[in-house]
Amino acid sequence: MNVVPLAIEQWDARLKDILSDMKGQPINVHKLMAHHPELLLAWWNFRNHSVTGGALGTRLGELVILRVAIHMRAWYEWGSHVDRSLACGLSLADIERVKSGPADEGWSPQEKAVLQAVDELIENHAISAQTQKFLGQTCSVQQVFDVIAIQGMYVILGGMINSFGLDLDDVVEKRLPAGINQQAFEAEYPRD
């Protein structure tokens, strides 16, 4: 099956509010999802909540998304959120440390617990009692829900991205720092 991003001219009229939200410039993942208007419409509010980090805020939310991108081996997700992470104040060193996960010594206790929760959700489909205890020391119940929800949303997107081989948007790729590119990412995280 060859599914490619849908040109805006071919979008269902029901998606006009999404086009407006994106100022007429939807990114490739939204163009891909435009093949299924009902899904894109249902998903949009969840996307808007997740992309801002919800109760986690942008920094922790981006750490969740970046860690999911590593697990999913999803270059599009990684490249897009390296760009977003830098824009919200994460350093390139922070972003590179995401690759080491919660084992890296540079994380705050809250960041370490959030990254551990993401790893457990991916690997075991649940957050362990021990990690919930650590999360409870620095996170609200709403923040824990958002760790679970944002992780799940980006697993869904990673599955779509990887299934259809989505290319990173040119405008995003041009903003990425030297050395952050698809070839390097896929050499480090091959999907085969």
Protein backbone atom coordinates (compact mmCIF):
# COMPACT_ATOMS: atom_id res chain seq x y z
CA MET A 1 0.00 0.00 0.00
CA ASN A 2 1.43 3.36 -1.02
CA VAL A 3 -0.02 6.09 1.19
CA VAL A 4 1.59 9.50 0.85
CA PRO A 5 0.74 12.90 2.36
CA LEU A 6 -2.47 14.22 0.83
CA ALA A 7 -2.25 17.56 -0.97
CA ILE A 8 -4.27 20.26 0.77
CA GLU A 9 -6.45 20.69 -2.33
CA GLN A 10 -7.65 17.11 -1.83
CA TRP A 11 -8.55 17.50 1.85
CA ASP A 12 -12.11 16.87 2.96
CA ALA A 13 -13.96 20.14 3.62
CA ARG A 14 -14.60 19.02 7.21
CA LEU A 15 -10.88 19.56 7.92
CA LYS A 16 -11.02 23.33 7.34
CA ASP A 17 -10.63 24.13 11.06
CA ILE A 18 -7.49 21.99 11.25
CA LEU A 19 -6.08 23.80 8.22
CA SER A 20 -6.89 27.05 9.97
CA ASP A 21 -5.16 25.88 13.19
CA MET A 22 -2.08 25.09 11.09
CA LYS A 23 -2.29 28.49 9.36
CA GLY A 24 -2.74 26.69 6.04
CA GLN A 25 0.62 24.91 6.47
CA PRO A 26 -0.07 21.41 7.84
CA ILE A 27 2.94 19.18 8.33
CA ASN A 28 3.39 15.86 6.60
CA VAL A 29 1.95 13.74 9.41
CA HIS A 30 -1.28 15.76 9.28
CA LYS A 31 -1.34 15.45 5.49
CA LEU A 32 -0.93 11.71 5.91
CA MET A 33 -3.79 11.48 8.39
CA ALA A 34 -5.99 13.59 6.08
CA HIS A 35 -6.67 10.35 4.20
CA HIS A 36 -8.94 9.51 7.15
CA PRO A 37 -10.83 12.73 7.97
CA GLU A 38 -12.89 11.22 10.80
CA LEU A 39 -9.75 9.99 12.55
CA LEU A 40 -7.91 13.30 12.08
CA LEU A 41 -10.90 15.23 13.45
CA ALA A 42 -11.26 12.93 16.46
CA TRP A 43 -7.53 13.04 17.12
CA TRP A 44 -6.99 16.80 16.81
CA ASN A 45 -7.82 17.91 20.38
CA PHE A 46 -5.73 15.05 21.79
CA ARG A 47 -2.86 16.18 19.54
CA ASN A 48 -3.16 19.78 20.73
CA HIS A 49 -3.10 18.65 24.36
CA SER A 50 -0.18 16.28 23.83
CA VAL A 51 2.06 18.53 21.74
CA THR A 52 2.10 21.11 24.55
CA GLY A 53 2.87 18.47 27.18
CA GLY A 54 -0.46 18.86 28.96
CA ALA A 55 0.05 18.98 32.72
CA LEU A 56 3.69 17.97 32.22
CA GLY A 57 4.57 21.21 30.44
CA THR A 58 6.63 21.44 27.29
CA ARG A 59 10.01 20.26 28.65
CA LEU A 60 8.78 17.01 30.20
CA GLY A 61 6.33 16.47 27.35
CA GLU A 62 9.14 16.70 24.81
CA LEU A 63 11.27 14.27 26.84
CA VAL A 64 8.38 11.77 26.68
CA ILE A 65 7.99 12.24 22.92
CA LEU A 66 11.72 11.99 22.20
CA ARG A 67 12.01 8.81 24.26
CA VAL A 68 9.06 7.28 22.38
CA ALA A 69 10.72 8.23 19.07
CA ILE A 70 13.81 6.26 20.14
CA HIS A 71 11.75 3.21 21.07
CA MET A 72 9.72 3.44 17.85
CA ARG A 73 12.85 4.08 15.78
CA ALA A 74 10.84 6.84 14.10
CA TRP A 75 13.09 9.38 12.39
CA TYR A 76 10.21 11.71 11.49
CA GLU A 77 9.13 11.86 15.14
CA TRP A 78 12.72 12.31 16.37
CA GLY A 79 13.61 15.04 13.86
CA SER A 80 10.36 16.93 14.41
CA HIS A 81 10.74 16.87 18.16
CA VAL A 82 14.43 17.69 18.24
CA ASP A 83 13.30 20.87 16.49
CA ARG A 84 10.41 21.44 18.92
CA SER A 85 12.58 20.58 21.94
CA LEU A 86 15.23 23.12 21.00
CA ALA A 87 12.50 25.72 20.47
CA CYS A 88 11.10 25.12 23.98
CA GLY A 89 14.48 25.41 25.70
CA LEU A 90 15.99 21.93 25.88
CA SER A 91 19.68 21.89 25.07
CA LEU A 92 21.21 19.67 22.43
CA ALA A 93 23.00 17.88 25.31
CA ASP A 94 19.63 17.18 26.98
CA ILE A 95 18.27 15.83 23.71
CA GLU A 96 21.28 13.57 23.21
CA ARG A 97 20.93 12.30 26.80
CA VAL A 98 17.40 11.10 26.00
CA LYS A 99 19.10 8.32 24.04
CA SER A 100 20.55 6.96 27.31
CA GLY A 101 17.15 7.11 28.95
CA PRO A 102 16.65 7.22 32.69
CA ALA A 103 20.08 5.68 33.35
CA ASP A 104 21.84 8.95 32.50
CA GLU A 105 23.04 10.68 35.68
CA GLY A 106 22.16 14.18 34.43
CA TRP A 107 18.41 13.94 34.91
CA SER A 108 16.48 15.47 37.78
CA PRO A 109 14.54 12.94 39.90
CA GLN A 110 11.32 13.96 38.11
CA GLU A 111 12.84 13.63 34.63
CA LYS A 112 14.37 10.27 35.51
CA ALA A 113 11.01 8.96 36.78
CA VAL A 114 9.17 10.22 33.68
CA LEU A 115 11.69 8.60 31.33
CA GLN A 116 11.56 5.38 33.35
CA ALA A 117 7.76 5.41 33.06
CA VAL A 118 7.97 5.77 29.27
CA ASP A 119 10.40 2.84 29.04
CA GLU A 120 8.14 0.67 31.18
CA LEU A 121 5.02 1.59 29.22
CA ILE A 122 6.75 0.62 25.97
CA GLU A 123 8.39 -2.53 27.30
CA ASN A 124 5.83 -3.80 29.85
CA HIS A 125 2.66 -1.87 28.91
CA ALA A 126 2.35 -0.54 32.46
CA ILE A 127 4.20 1.66 34.96
CA SER A 128 5.60 -0.43 37.81
CA ALA A 129 4.62 0.22 41.43
CA GLN A 130 8.18 1.36 42.18
CA THR A 131 8.21 3.90 39.35
CA GLN A 132 4.71 5.09 40.34
CA LYS A 133 6.12 5.71 43.83
CA PHE A 134 8.95 7.82 42.37
CA LEU A 135 6.52 9.67 40.09
CA GLY A 136 4.28 10.35 43.08
CA GLN A 137 7.12 12.23 44.78
CA THR A 138 7.42 14.82 42.01
CA CYS A 139 4.35 14.54 39.76
CA SER A 140 0.64 15.09 40.16
CA VAL A 141 -1.89 12.44 39.19
CA GLN A 142 -2.70 14.53 36.10
CA GLN A 143 0.97 14.53 35.10
CA VAL A 144 1.14 10.74 35.38
CA PHE A 145 -1.97 10.44 33.21
CA ASP A 146 -0.27 12.70 30.66
CA VAL A 147 2.89 10.57 30.64
CA ILE A 148 0.71 7.58 29.75
CA ALA A 149 -1.45 9.45 27.24
CA ILE A 150 1.34 11.30 25.42
CA GLN A 151 3.40 8.13 25.22
CA GLY A 152 0.41 6.33 23.70
CA MET A 153 -0.34 9.06 21.20
CA TYR A 154 3.22 9.09 19.91
CA VAL A 155 3.30 5.29 19.69
CA ILE A 156 0.28 5.60 17.40
CA LEU A 157 1.99 8.27 15.31
CA GLY A 158 5.24 6.29 15.22
CA GLY A 159 3.31 3.31 13.88
CA MET A 160 1.80 5.44 11.10
CA ILE A 161 5.11 7.13 10.31
CA ASN A 162 7.02 3.87 10.15
CA SER A 163 4.32 2.02 8.22
CA PHE A 164 4.11 4.58 5.45
CA GLY A 165 7.72 5.81 5.43
CA LEU A 166 6.88 9.46 6.05
CA ASP A 167 9.52 12.03 5.09
CA LEU A 168 10.45 14.79 7.51
CA ASP A 169 9.12 18.19 6.46
CA ASP A 170 11.78 20.19 4.58
CA VAL A 171 11.22 23.28 6.72
CA VAL A 172 11.92 21.25 9.88
CA GLU A 173 14.92 19.47 8.42
CA LYS A 174 16.55 22.80 7.52
CA ARG A 175 16.33 23.97 11.15
CA LEU A 176 18.01 20.89 12.63
CA PRO A 177 21.56 21.27 13.98
CA ALA A 178 24.45 19.72 12.06
CA GLY A 179 24.72 16.01 12.70
CA ILE A 180 21.00 15.54 13.38
CA ASN A 181 19.84 13.78 10.24
CA GLN A 182 17.98 10.70 9.06
CA GLN A 183 21.10 8.77 8.05
CA ALA A 184 22.75 9.16 11.45
CA PHE A 185 19.52 8.38 13.33
CA GLU A 186 18.76 5.26 11.31
CA ALA A 187 22.37 4.04 11.64
CA GLU A 188 21.99 4.30 15.42
CA TYR A 189 18.40 2.99 15.53
CA PRO A 190 17.80 0.67 12.57
CA ARG A 191 14.29 -0.76 12.23
CA ASP A 192 15.27 -4.04 10.55
